[in-house]
């Protein structure tokens, strides 16, 4: 996994196509490879905070168009399936 992530990072950096969100995800992967599952939750919380901050940046919208990384991160932090997170967000949006 470590070798693969380094290879993908180098490829994307060479293509000059790396967004801040992708950089944050690669940084997360590098830092969490040696961690145990118990140590991961605080790291997921940090990643989620970073990504939510980047969501407001209009130059990062392309990254959010391909995958709902925030819902994935929330699922990891709150121990829920991604489909539950998305369903809850849908229900909240209907009530507005």
PDB file of N, CA and C in Angstrom:
ATOM      1  N   UNK A   1       0.823  -1.189   0.000  1.00  0.00           N
ATOM      2  CA  UNK A   1       0.000   0.000   0.000  1.00  0.00           C
ATOM      3  C   UNK A   1       0.873   1.262   0.000  1.00  0.00           C
ATOM      4  N   UNK A   2       1.935   1.228   0.800  1.00  0.00           N
ATOM      5  CA  UNK A   2       2.819   2.382   0.883  1.00  0.00           C
ATOM      6  C   UNK A   2       3.474   2.664  -0.471  1.00  0.00           C
ATOM      7  N   UNK A   3       3.956   1.634  -1.112  1.00  0.00           N
ATOM      8  CA  UNK A   3       4.589   1.786  -2.416  1.00  0.00           C
ATOM      9  C   UNK A   3       3.598   2.314  -3.453  1.00  0.00           C
ATOM     10  N   UNK A   4       2.404   1.784  -3.424  1.00  0.00           N
ATOM     11  CA  UNK A   4       1.372   2.202  -4.367  1.00  0.00           C
ATOM     12  C   UNK A   4       1.004   3.673  -4.174  1.00  0.00           C
ATOM     13  N   UNK A   5       0.839   4.091  -2.930  1.00  0.00           N
ATOM     14  CA  UNK A   5       0.474   5.490  -2.674  1.00  0.00           C
ATOM     15  C   UNK A   5       1.597   6.434  -3.106  1.00  0.00           C
ATOM     16  N   UNK A   6       2.846   6.036  -2.900  1.00  0.00           N
ATOM     17  CA  UNK A   6       3.980   6.865  -3.353  1.00  0.00           C
ATOM     18  C   UNK A   6       3.991   6.977  -4.875  1.00  0.00           C
ATOM     19  N   UNK A   7       3.731   5.864  -5.528  1.00  0.00           N
ATOM     20  CA  UNK A   7       3.720   5.846  -6.988  1.00  0.00           C
ATOM     21  C   UNK A   7       2.616   6.742  -7.552  1.00  0.00           C
ATOM     22  N   UNK A   8       1.424   6.631  -6.989  1.00  0.00           N
ATOM     23  CA  UNK A   8       0.296   7.452  -7.448  1.00  0.00           C
ATOM     24  C   UNK A   8       0.578   8.931  -7.169  1.00  0.00           C
ATOM     25  N   UNK A   9       1.142   9.234  -6.005  1.00  0.00           N
ATOM     26  CA  UNK A   9       1.473  10.622  -5.661  1.00  0.00           C
ATOM     27  C   UNK A   9       2.473  11.202  -6.670  1.00  0.00           C
ATOM     28  N   UNK A  10       3.521  10.435  -6.972  1.00  0.00           N
ATOM     29  CA  UNK A  10       4.529  10.915  -7.938  1.00  0.00           C
ATOM     30  C   UNK A  10       3.898  11.147  -9.307  1.00  0.00           C
ATOM     31  N   UNK A  11       3.054  10.222  -9.740  1.00  0.00           N
ATOM     32  CA  UNK A  11       2.394  10.362 -11.033  1.00  0.00           C
ATOM     33  C   UNK A  11       1.542  11.627 -11.076  1.00  0.00           C
ATOM     34  N   UNK A  12       0.724  11.828 -10.050  1.00  0.00           N
ATOM     35  CA  UNK A  12      -0.156  12.997 -10.037  1.00  0.00           C
ATOM     36  C   UNK A  12       0.635  14.297  -9.909  1.00  0.00           C
ATOM     37  N   UNK A  13       1.697  14.278  -9.142  1.00  0.00           N
ATOM     38  CA  UNK A  13       2.534  15.470  -9.004  1.00  0.00           C
ATOM     39  C   UNK A  13       3.213  15.798 -10.340  1.00  0.00           C
ATOM     40  N   UNK A  14       3.636  14.766 -11.055  1.00  0.00           N
ATOM     41  CA  UNK A  14       4.275  14.962 -12.351  1.00  0.00           C
ATOM     42  C   UNK A  14       3.294  15.553 -13.364  1.00  0.00           C
ATOM     43  N   UNK A  15       2.039  15.163 -13.246  1.00  0.00           N
ATOM     44  CA  UNK A  15       1.009  15.666 -14.160  1.00  0.00           C
ATOM     45  C   UNK A  15       0.546  17.079 -13.766  1.00  0.00           C
ATOM     46  N   UNK A  16       1.050  17.571 -12.642  1.00  0.00           N
ATOM     47  CA  UNK A  16       0.669  18.894 -12.122  1.00  0.00           C
ATOM     48  C   UNK A  16      -0.855  18.987 -11.972  1.00  0.00           C
ATOM     49  N   UNK A  17      -1.403  17.931 -11.399  1.00  0.00           N
ATOM     50  CA  UNK A  17      -2.849  17.804 -11.301  1.00  0.00           C
ATOM     51  C   UNK A  17      -3.298  17.544  -9.863  1.00  0.00           C
ATOM     52  N   UNK A  18      -2.450  17.883  -8.894  1.00  0.00           N
ATOM     53  CA  UNK A  18      -2.706  17.548  -7.502  1.00  0.00           C
ATOM     54  C   UNK A  18      -3.422  18.697  -6.799  1.00  0.00           C
ATOM     55  N   UNK A  19      -4.608  18.415  -6.270  1.00  0.00           N
ATOM     56  CA  UNK A  19      -5.363  19.441  -5.543  1.00  0.00           C
ATOM     57  C   UNK A  19      -4.985  19.391  -4.068  1.00  0.00           C
ATOM     58  N   UNK A  20      -5.407  20.394  -3.325  1.00  0.00           N
ATOM     59  CA  UNK A  20      -5.117  20.451  -1.890  1.00  0.00           C
ATOM     60  C   UNK A  20      -5.770  19.287  -1.152  1.00  0.00           C
ATOM     61  N   UNK A  21      -6.932  18.872  -1.617  1.00  0.00           N
ATOM     62  CA  UNK A  21      -7.626  17.746  -0.984  1.00  0.00           C
ATOM     63  C   UNK A  21      -6.829  16.457  -1.198  1.00  0.00           C
ATOM     64  N   UNK A  22      -6.372  16.264  -2.409  1.00  0.00           N
ATOM     65  CA  UNK A  22      -5.571  15.077  -2.696  1.00  0.00           C
ATOM     66  C   UNK A  22      -4.275  15.094  -1.902  1.00  0.00           C
ATOM     67  N   UNK A  23      -3.664  16.258  -1.775  1.00  0.00           N
ATOM     68  CA  UNK A  23      -2.454  16.388  -0.953  1.00  0.00           C
ATOM     69  C   UNK A  23      -2.747  15.988   0.485  1.00  0.00           C
ATOM     70  N   UNK A  24      -3.880  16.458   1.020  1.00  0.00           N
ATOM     71  CA  UNK A  24      -4.255  16.133   2.402  1.00  0.00           C
ATOM     72  C   UNK A  24      -4.466  14.633   2.566  1.00  0.00           C
ATOM     73  N   UNK A  25      -5.074  14.003   1.574  1.00  0.00           N
ATOM     74  CA  UNK A  25      -5.312  12.559   1.651  1.00  0.00           C
ATOM     75  C   UNK A  25      -3.996  11.787   1.588  1.00  0.00           C
ATOM     76  N   UNK A  26      -3.099  12.190   0.718  1.00  0.00           N
ATOM     77  CA  UNK A  26      -1.796  11.519   0.651  1.00  0.00           C
ATOM     78  C   UNK A  26      -1.009  11.712   1.945  1.00  0.00           C
ATOM     79  N   UNK A  27      -1.079  12.887   2.507  1.00  0.00           N
ATOM     80  CA  UNK A  27      -0.407  13.143   3.792  1.00  0.00           C
ATOM     81  C   UNK A  27      -0.991  12.238   4.871  1.00  0.00           C
ATOM     82  N   UNK A  28      -2.327  12.130   4.889  1.00  0.00           N
ATOM     83  CA  UNK A  28      -3.001  11.254   5.840  1.00  0.00           C
ATOM     84  C   UNK A  28      -2.520   9.813   5.668  1.00  0.00           C
ATOM     85  N   UNK A  29      -2.454   9.345   4.436  1.00  0.00           N
ATOM     86  CA  UNK A  29      -2.017   7.967   4.180  1.00  0.00           C
ATOM     87  C   UNK A  29      -0.592   7.730   4.665  1.00  0.00           C
ATOM     88  N   UNK A  30       0.309   8.680   4.377  1.00  0.00           N
ATOM     89  CA  UNK A  30       1.699   8.528   4.812  1.00  0.00           C
ATOM     90  C   UNK A  30       1.802   8.477   6.337  1.00  0.00           C
ATOM     91  N   UNK A  31       1.027   9.312   7.019  1.00  0.00           N
ATOM     92  CA  UNK A  31       1.124   9.390   8.476  1.00  0.00           C
ATOM     93  C   UNK A  31       0.453   8.215   9.182  1.00  0.00           C
ATOM     94  N   UNK A  32      -0.552   7.628   8.568  1.00  0.00           N
ATOM     95  CA  UNK A  32      -1.324   6.605   9.267  1.00  0.00           C
ATOM     96  C   UNK A  32      -0.941   5.168   8.921  1.00  0.00           C
ATOM     97  N   UNK A  33      -0.055   4.981   7.979  1.00  0.00           N
ATOM     98  CA  UNK A  33       0.342   3.606   7.603  1.00  0.00           C
ATOM     99  C   UNK A  33       0.792   2.794   8.823  1.00  0.00           C
ATOM    100  N   UNK A  34       1.661   3.325   9.679  1.00  0.00           N
ATOM    101  CA  UNK A  34       2.144   2.494  10.799  1.00  0.00           C
ATOM    102  C   UNK A  34       1.215   2.466  12.021  1.00  0.00           C
ATOM    103  N   UNK A  35       0.111   3.188  11.993  1.00  0.00           N
ATOM    104  CA  UNK A  35      -0.744   3.292  13.178  1.00  0.00           C
ATOM    105  C   UNK A  35      -1.668   2.086  13.335  1.00  0.00           C
ATOM    106  N   UNK A  36      -2.036   1.837  14.569  1.00  0.00           N
ATOM    107  CA  UNK A  36      -3.004   0.775  14.857  1.00  0.00           C
ATOM    108  C   UNK A  36      -4.410   1.321  14.630  1.00  0.00           C
ATOM    109  N   UNK A  37      -5.401   0.440  14.502  1.00  0.00           N
ATOM    110  CA  UNK A  37      -6.777   0.917  14.303  1.00  0.00           C
ATOM    111  C   UNK A  37      -7.268   1.869  15.402  1.00  0.00           C
ATOM    112  N   UNK A  38      -6.831   1.671  16.627  1.00  0.00           N
ATOM    113  CA  UNK A  38      -7.236   2.563  17.723  1.00  0.00           C
ATOM    114  C   UNK A  38      -6.685   3.974  17.552  1.00  0.00           C
ATOM    115  N   UNK A  39      -5.533   4.086  16.957  1.00  0.00           N
ATOM    116  CA  UNK A  39      -4.893   5.382  16.783  1.00  0.00           C
ATOM    117  C   UNK A  39      -5.424   6.130  15.565  1.00  0.00           C
ATOM    118  N   UNK A  40      -6.206   5.475  14.745  1.00  0.00           N
ATOM    119  CA  UNK A  40      -6.684   6.076  13.499  1.00  0.00           C
ATOM    120  C   UNK A  40      -7.783   7.123  13.682  1.00  0.00           C
ATOM    121  N   UNK A  41      -8.670   6.933  14.645  1.00  0.00           N
ATOM    122  CA  UNK A  41      -9.824   7.820  14.773  1.00  0.00           C
ATOM    123  C   UNK A  41      -9.421   9.291  14.913  1.00  0.00           C
ATOM    124  N   UNK A  42      -8.460   9.658  15.787  1.00  0.00           N
ATOM    125  CA  UNK A  42      -8.067  11.066  15.858  1.00  0.00           C
ATOM    126  C   UNK A  42      -7.499  11.592  14.537  1.00  0.00           C
ATOM    127  N   UNK A  43      -6.819  10.726  13.797  1.00  0.00           N
ATOM    128  CA  UNK A  43      -6.262  11.130  12.509  1.00  0.00           C
ATOM    129  C   UNK A  43      -7.378  11.354  11.491  1.00  0.00           C
ATOM    130  N   UNK A  44      -8.410  10.500  11.529  1.00  0.00           N
ATOM    131  CA  UNK A  44      -9.568  10.707  10.653  1.00  0.00           C
ATOM    132  C   UNK A  44     -10.270  12.014  10.996  1.00  0.00           C
ATOM    133  N   UNK A  45     -10.347  12.344  12.282  1.00  0.00           N
ATOM    134  CA  UNK A  45     -10.972  13.601  12.700  1.00  0.00           C
ATOM    135  C   UNK A  45     -10.196  14.801  12.144  1.00  0.00           C
ATOM    136  N   UNK A  46      -8.871  14.728  12.187  1.00  0.00           N
ATOM    137  CA  UNK A  46      -8.036  15.809  11.630  1.00  0.00           C
ATOM    138  C   UNK A  46      -8.244  15.934  10.120  1.00  0.00           C
ATOM    139  N   UNK A  47      -8.253  14.792   9.439  1.00  0.00           N
ATOM    140  CA  UNK A  47      -8.467  14.793   7.990  1.00  0.00           C
ATOM    141  C   UNK A  47      -9.830  15.383   7.648  1.00  0.00           C
ATOM    142  N   UNK A  48     -10.853  14.993   8.384  1.00  0.00           N
ATOM    143  CA  UNK A  48     -12.203  15.493   8.141  1.00  0.00           C
ATOM    144  C   UNK A  48     -12.266  17.005   8.333  1.00  0.00           C
ATOM    145  N   UNK A  49     -11.626  17.509   9.373  1.00  0.00           N
ATOM    146  CA  UNK A  49     -11.604  18.961   9.610  1.00  0.00           C
ATOM    147  C   UNK A  49     -10.908  19.683   8.465  1.00  0.00           C
ATOM    148  N   UNK A  50      -9.813  19.140   7.993  1.00  0.00           N
ATOM    149  CA  UNK A  50      -9.077  19.738   6.874  1.00  0.00           C
ATOM    150  C   UNK A  50      -9.926  19.759   5.613  1.00  0.00           C
ATOM    151  N   UNK A  51     -10.560  18.646   5.324  1.00  0.00           N
ATOM    152  CA  UNK A  51     -11.361  18.538   4.106  1.00  0.00           C
ATOM    153  C   UNK A  51     -12.588  19.445   4.168  1.00  0.00           C
ATOM    154  N   UNK A  52     -13.228  19.513   5.334  1.00  0.00           N
ATOM    155  CA  UNK A  52     -14.388  20.398   5.463  1.00  0.00           C
ATOM    156  C   UNK A  52     -13.981  21.849   5.261  1.00  0.00           C
ATOM    157  N   UNK A  53     -12.796  22.195   5.727  1.00  0.00           N
ATOM    158  CA  UNK A  53     -12.285  23.554   5.522  1.00  0.00           C
ATOM    159  C   UNK A  53     -12.058  23.818   4.029  1.00  0.00           C
ATOM    160  N   UNK A  54     -11.539  22.822   3.333  1.00  0.00           N
ATOM    161  CA  UNK A  54     -11.259  22.972   1.902  1.00  0.00           C
ATOM    162  C   UNK A  54     -12.531  22.985   1.059  1.00  0.00           C
ATOM    163  N   UNK A  55     -13.619  22.440   1.600  1.00  0.00           N
ATOM    164  CA  UNK A  55     -14.885  22.407   0.864  1.00  0.00           C
ATOM    165  C   UNK A  55     -15.363  23.820   0.520  1.00  0.00           C
ATOM    166  N   UNK A  56     -15.009  24.773   1.336  1.00  0.00           N
ATOM    167  CA  UNK A  56     -15.440  26.153   1.121  1.00  0.00           C
ATOM    168  C   UNK A  56     -14.603  26.869   0.059  1.00  0.00           C
ATOM    169  N   UNK A  57     -13.489  26.268  -0.325  1.00  0.00           N
ATOM    170  CA  UNK A  57     -12.597  26.860  -1.322  1.00  0.00           C
ATOM    171  C   UNK A  57     -13.129  26.552  -2.724  1.00  0.00           C
ATOM    172  N   UNK A  58     -13.435  27.579  -3.473  1.00  0.00           N
ATOM    173  CA  UNK A  58     -14.041  27.369  -4.791  1.00  0.00           C
ATOM    174  C   UNK A  58     -13.097  26.701  -5.789  1.00  0.00           C
ATOM    175  N   UNK A  59     -11.804  26.722  -5.524  1.00  0.00           N
ATOM    176  CA  UNK A  59     -10.845  26.085  -6.420  1.00  0.00           C
ATOM    177  C   UNK A  59     -10.742  24.575  -6.183  1.00  0.00           C
ATOM    178  N   UNK A  60     -11.374  24.081  -5.137  1.00  0.00           N
ATOM    179  CA  UNK A  60     -11.305  22.664  -4.798  1.00  0.00           C
ATOM    180  C   UNK A  60     -12.571  21.899  -5.165  1.00  0.00           C
ATOM    181  N   UNK A  61     -13.510  22.553  -5.814  1.00  0.00           N
ATOM    182  CA  UNK A  61     -14.803  21.920  -6.090  1.00  0.00           C
ATOM    183  C   UNK A  61     -14.690  20.691  -6.996  1.00  0.00           C
ATOM    184  N   UNK A  62     -13.706  20.663  -7.861  1.00  0.00           N
ATOM    185  CA  UNK A  62     -13.548  19.520  -8.764  1.00  0.00           C
ATOM    186  C   UNK A  62     -13.365  18.217  -7.984  1.00  0.00           C
ATOM    187  N   UNK A  63     -12.624  18.267  -6.915  1.00  0.00           N
ATOM    188  CA  UNK A  63     -12.382  17.065  -6.110  1.00  0.00           C
ATOM    189  C   UNK A  63     -13.660  16.534  -5.489  1.00  0.00           C
ATOM    190  N   UNK A  64     -14.555  17.423  -5.120  1.00  0.00           N
ATOM    191  CA  UNK A  64     -15.805  16.998  -4.494  1.00  0.00           C
ATOM    192  C   UNK A  64     -16.815  16.487  -5.518  1.00  0.00           C
ATOM    193  N   UNK A  65     -16.580  16.744  -6.785  1.00  0.00           N
ATOM    194  CA  UNK A  65     -17.504  16.301  -7.830  1.00  0.00           C
ATOM    195  C   UNK A  65     -17.389  14.799  -8.084  1.00  0.00           C
ATOM    196  N   UNK A  66     -16.239  14.217  -7.799  1.00  0.00           N
ATOM    197  CA  UNK A  66     -16.006  12.817  -8.126  1.00  0.00           C
ATOM    198  C   UNK A  66     -16.346  11.849  -6.996  1.00  0.00           C
ATOM    199  N   UNK A  67     -16.134  12.260  -5.769  1.00  0.00           N
ATOM    200  CA  UNK A  67     -16.384  11.363  -4.639  1.00  0.00           C
ATOM    201  C   UNK A  67     -16.798  12.194  -3.430  1.00  0.00           C
ATOM    202  N   UNK A  68     -17.711  11.661  -2.664  1.00  0.00           N
ATOM    203  CA  UNK A  68     -18.180  12.353  -1.465  1.00  0.00           C
ATOM    204  C   UNK A  68     -17.235  12.011  -0.312  1.00  0.00           C
ATOM    205  N   UNK A  69     -16.068  12.621  -0.340  1.00  0.00           N
ATOM    206  CA  UNK A  69     -15.018  12.316   0.630  1.00  0.00           C
ATOM    207  C   UNK A  69     -15.420  12.733   2.041  1.00  0.00           C
ATOM    208  N   UNK A  70     -16.248  13.761   2.159  1.00  0.00           N
ATOM    209  CA  UNK A  70     -16.674  14.214   3.486  1.00  0.00           C
ATOM    210  C   UNK A  70     -17.573  13.168   4.138  1.00  0.00           C
ATOM    211  N   UNK A  71     -18.511  12.629   3.391  1.00  0.00           N
ATOM    212  CA  UNK A  71     -19.378  11.586   3.954  1.00  0.00           C
ATOM    213  C   UNK A  71     -18.576  10.344   4.320  1.00  0.00           C
ATOM    214  N   UNK A  72     -17.595  10.016   3.514  1.00  0.00           N
ATOM    215  CA  UNK A  72     -16.727   8.885   3.825  1.00  0.00           C
ATOM    216  C   UNK A  72     -15.982   9.134   5.137  1.00  0.00           C
ATOM    217  N   UNK A  73     -15.424  10.341   5.280  1.00  0.00           N
ATOM    218  CA  UNK A  73     -14.697  10.683   6.507  1.00  0.00           C
ATOM    219  C   UNK A  73     -15.601  10.697   7.724  1.00  0.00           C
ATOM    220  N   UNK A  74     -16.805  11.232   7.559  1.00  0.00           N
ATOM    221  CA  UNK A  74     -17.762  11.241   8.668  1.00  0.00           C
ATOM    222  C   UNK A  74     -18.139   9.819   9.073  1.00  0.00           C
ATOM    223  N   UNK A  75     -18.255   8.941   8.104  1.00  0.00           N
ATOM    224  CA  UNK A  75     -18.540   7.540   8.405  1.00  0.00           C
ATOM    225  C   UNK A  75     -17.444   6.916   9.249  1.00  0.00           C
ATOM    226  N   UNK A  76     -16.214   7.237   8.925  1.00  0.00           N
ATOM    227  CA  UNK A  76     -15.070   6.724   9.685  1.00  0.00           C
ATOM    228  C   UNK A  76     -15.038   7.296  11.103  1.00  0.00           C
ATOM    229  N   UNK A  77     -15.323   8.572  11.231  1.00  0.00           N
ATOM    230  CA  UNK A  77     -15.261   9.234  12.537  1.00  0.00           C
ATOM    231  C   UNK A  77     -16.414   8.794  13.438  1.00  0.00           C
ATOM    232  N   UNK A  78     -17.623   8.712  12.868  1.00  0.00           N
ATOM    233  CA  UNK A  78     -18.814   8.415  13.668  1.00  0.00           C
ATOM    234  C   UNK A  78     -19.207   6.938  13.651  1.00  0.00           C
ATOM    235  N   UNK A  79     -18.373   6.093  13.069  1.00  0.00           N
ATOM    236  CA  UNK A  79     -18.622   4.647  12.986  1.00  0.00           C
ATOM    237  C   UNK A  79     -19.978   4.324  12.366  1.00  0.00           C
ATOM    238  N   UNK A  80     -20.254   4.963  11.231  1.00  0.00           N
ATOM    239  CA  UNK A  80     -21.484   4.708  10.483  1.00  0.00           C
ATOM    240  C   UNK A  80     -21.114   4.336   9.054  1.00  0.00           C
ATOM    241  N   UNK A  81     -22.046   3.655   8.401  1.00  0.00           N
ATOM    242  CA  UNK A  81     -21.828   3.366   6.983  1.00  0.00           C
ATOM    243  C   UNK A  81     -22.043   4.639   6.185  1.00  0.00           C
ATOM    244  N   UNK A  82     -21.365   4.739   5.082  1.00  0.00           N
ATOM    245  CA  UNK A  82     -21.456   5.933   4.238  1.00  0.00           C
ATOM    246  C   UNK A  82     -22.887   6.168   3.773  1.00  0.00           C
ATOM    247  N   UNK A  83     -23.610   5.096   3.479  1.00  0.00           N
ATOM    248  CA  UNK A  83     -24.990   5.258   3.015  1.00  0.00           C
ATOM    249  C   UNK A  83     -25.869   5.878   4.101  1.00  0.00           C
ATOM    250  N   UNK A  84     -25.604   5.561   5.380  1.00  0.00           N
ATOM    251  CA  UNK A  84     -26.358   6.179   6.471  1.00  0.00           C
ATOM    252  C   UNK A  84     -26.081   7.675   6.557  1.00  0.00           C
ATOM    253  N   UNK A  85     -24.838   8.036   6.407  1.00  0.00           N
ATOM    254  CA  UNK A  85     -24.444   9.447   6.455  1.00  0.00           C
ATOM    255  C   UNK A  85     -25.140  10.214   5.330  1.00  0.00           C
ATOM    256  N   UNK A  86     -25.084   9.675   4.119  1.00  0.00           N
ATOM    257  CA  UNK A  86     -25.693  10.342   2.965  1.00  0.00           C
ATOM    258  C   UNK A  86     -27.210  10.421   3.134  1.00  0.00           C
ATOM    259  N   UNK A  87     -27.821   9.361   3.633  1.00  0.00           N
ATOM    260  CA  UNK A  87     -29.267   9.358   3.861  1.00  0.00           C
ATOM    261  C   UNK A  87     -29.647  10.425   4.895  1.00  0.00           C
ATOM    262  N   UNK A  88     -28.884  10.521   5.981  1.00  0.00           N
ATOM    263  CA  UNK A  88     -29.150  11.536   7.004  1.00  0.00           C
ATOM    264  C   UNK A  88     -29.033  12.952   6.428  1.00  0.00           C
ATOM    265  N   UNK A  89     -28.024  13.157   5.593  1.00  0.00           N
ATOM    266  CA  UNK A  89     -27.855  14.479   4.960  1.00  0.00           C
ATOM    267  C   UNK A  89     -29.035  14.788   4.039  1.00  0.00           C
ATOM    268  N   UNK A  90     -29.502  13.777   3.326  1.00  0.00           N
ATOM    269  CA  UNK A  90     -30.659  13.963   2.443  1.00  0.00           C
ATOM    270  C   UNK A  90     -31.892  14.348   3.249  1.00  0.00           C
ATOM    271  N   UNK A  91     -32.126  13.651   4.347  1.00  0.00           N
ATOM    272  CA  UNK A  91     -33.276  13.951   5.188  1.00  0.00           C
ATOM    273  C   UNK A  91     -33.184  15.363   5.778  1.00  0.00           C
ATOM    274  N   UNK A  92     -31.979  15.761   6.174  1.00  0.00           N
ATOM    275  CA  UNK A  92     -31.782  17.117   6.708  1.00  0.00           C
ATOM    276  C   UNK A  92     -32.046  18.167   5.642  1.00  0.00           C
ATOM    277  N   UNK A  93     -31.663  17.894   4.421  1.00  0.00           N
ATOM    278  CA  UNK A  93     -31.857  18.870   3.353  1.00  0.00           C
ATOM    279  C   UNK A  93     -33.337  19.005   2.998  1.00  0.00           C
ATOM    280  N   UNK A  94     -34.121  17.944   3.172  1.00  0.00           N
ATOM    281  CA  UNK A  94     -35.558  18.005   2.894  1.00  0.00           C
ATOM    282  C   UNK A  94     -36.300  18.851   3.930  1.00  0.00           C
ATOM    283  N   UNK A  95     -35.755  18.905   5.150  1.00  0.00           N
ATOM    284  CA  UNK A  95     -36.406  19.642   6.230  1.00  0.00           C
ATOM    285  C   UNK A  95     -36.120  21.140   6.153  1.00  0.00           C
ATOM    286  N   UNK A  96     -35.186  21.548   5.340  1.00  0.00           N
ATOM    287  CA  UNK A  96     -34.828  22.973   5.237  1.00  0.00           C
ATOM    288  C   UNK A  96     -35.793  23.733   4.413  1.00  0.00           C
TER     289      UNK A  96
END
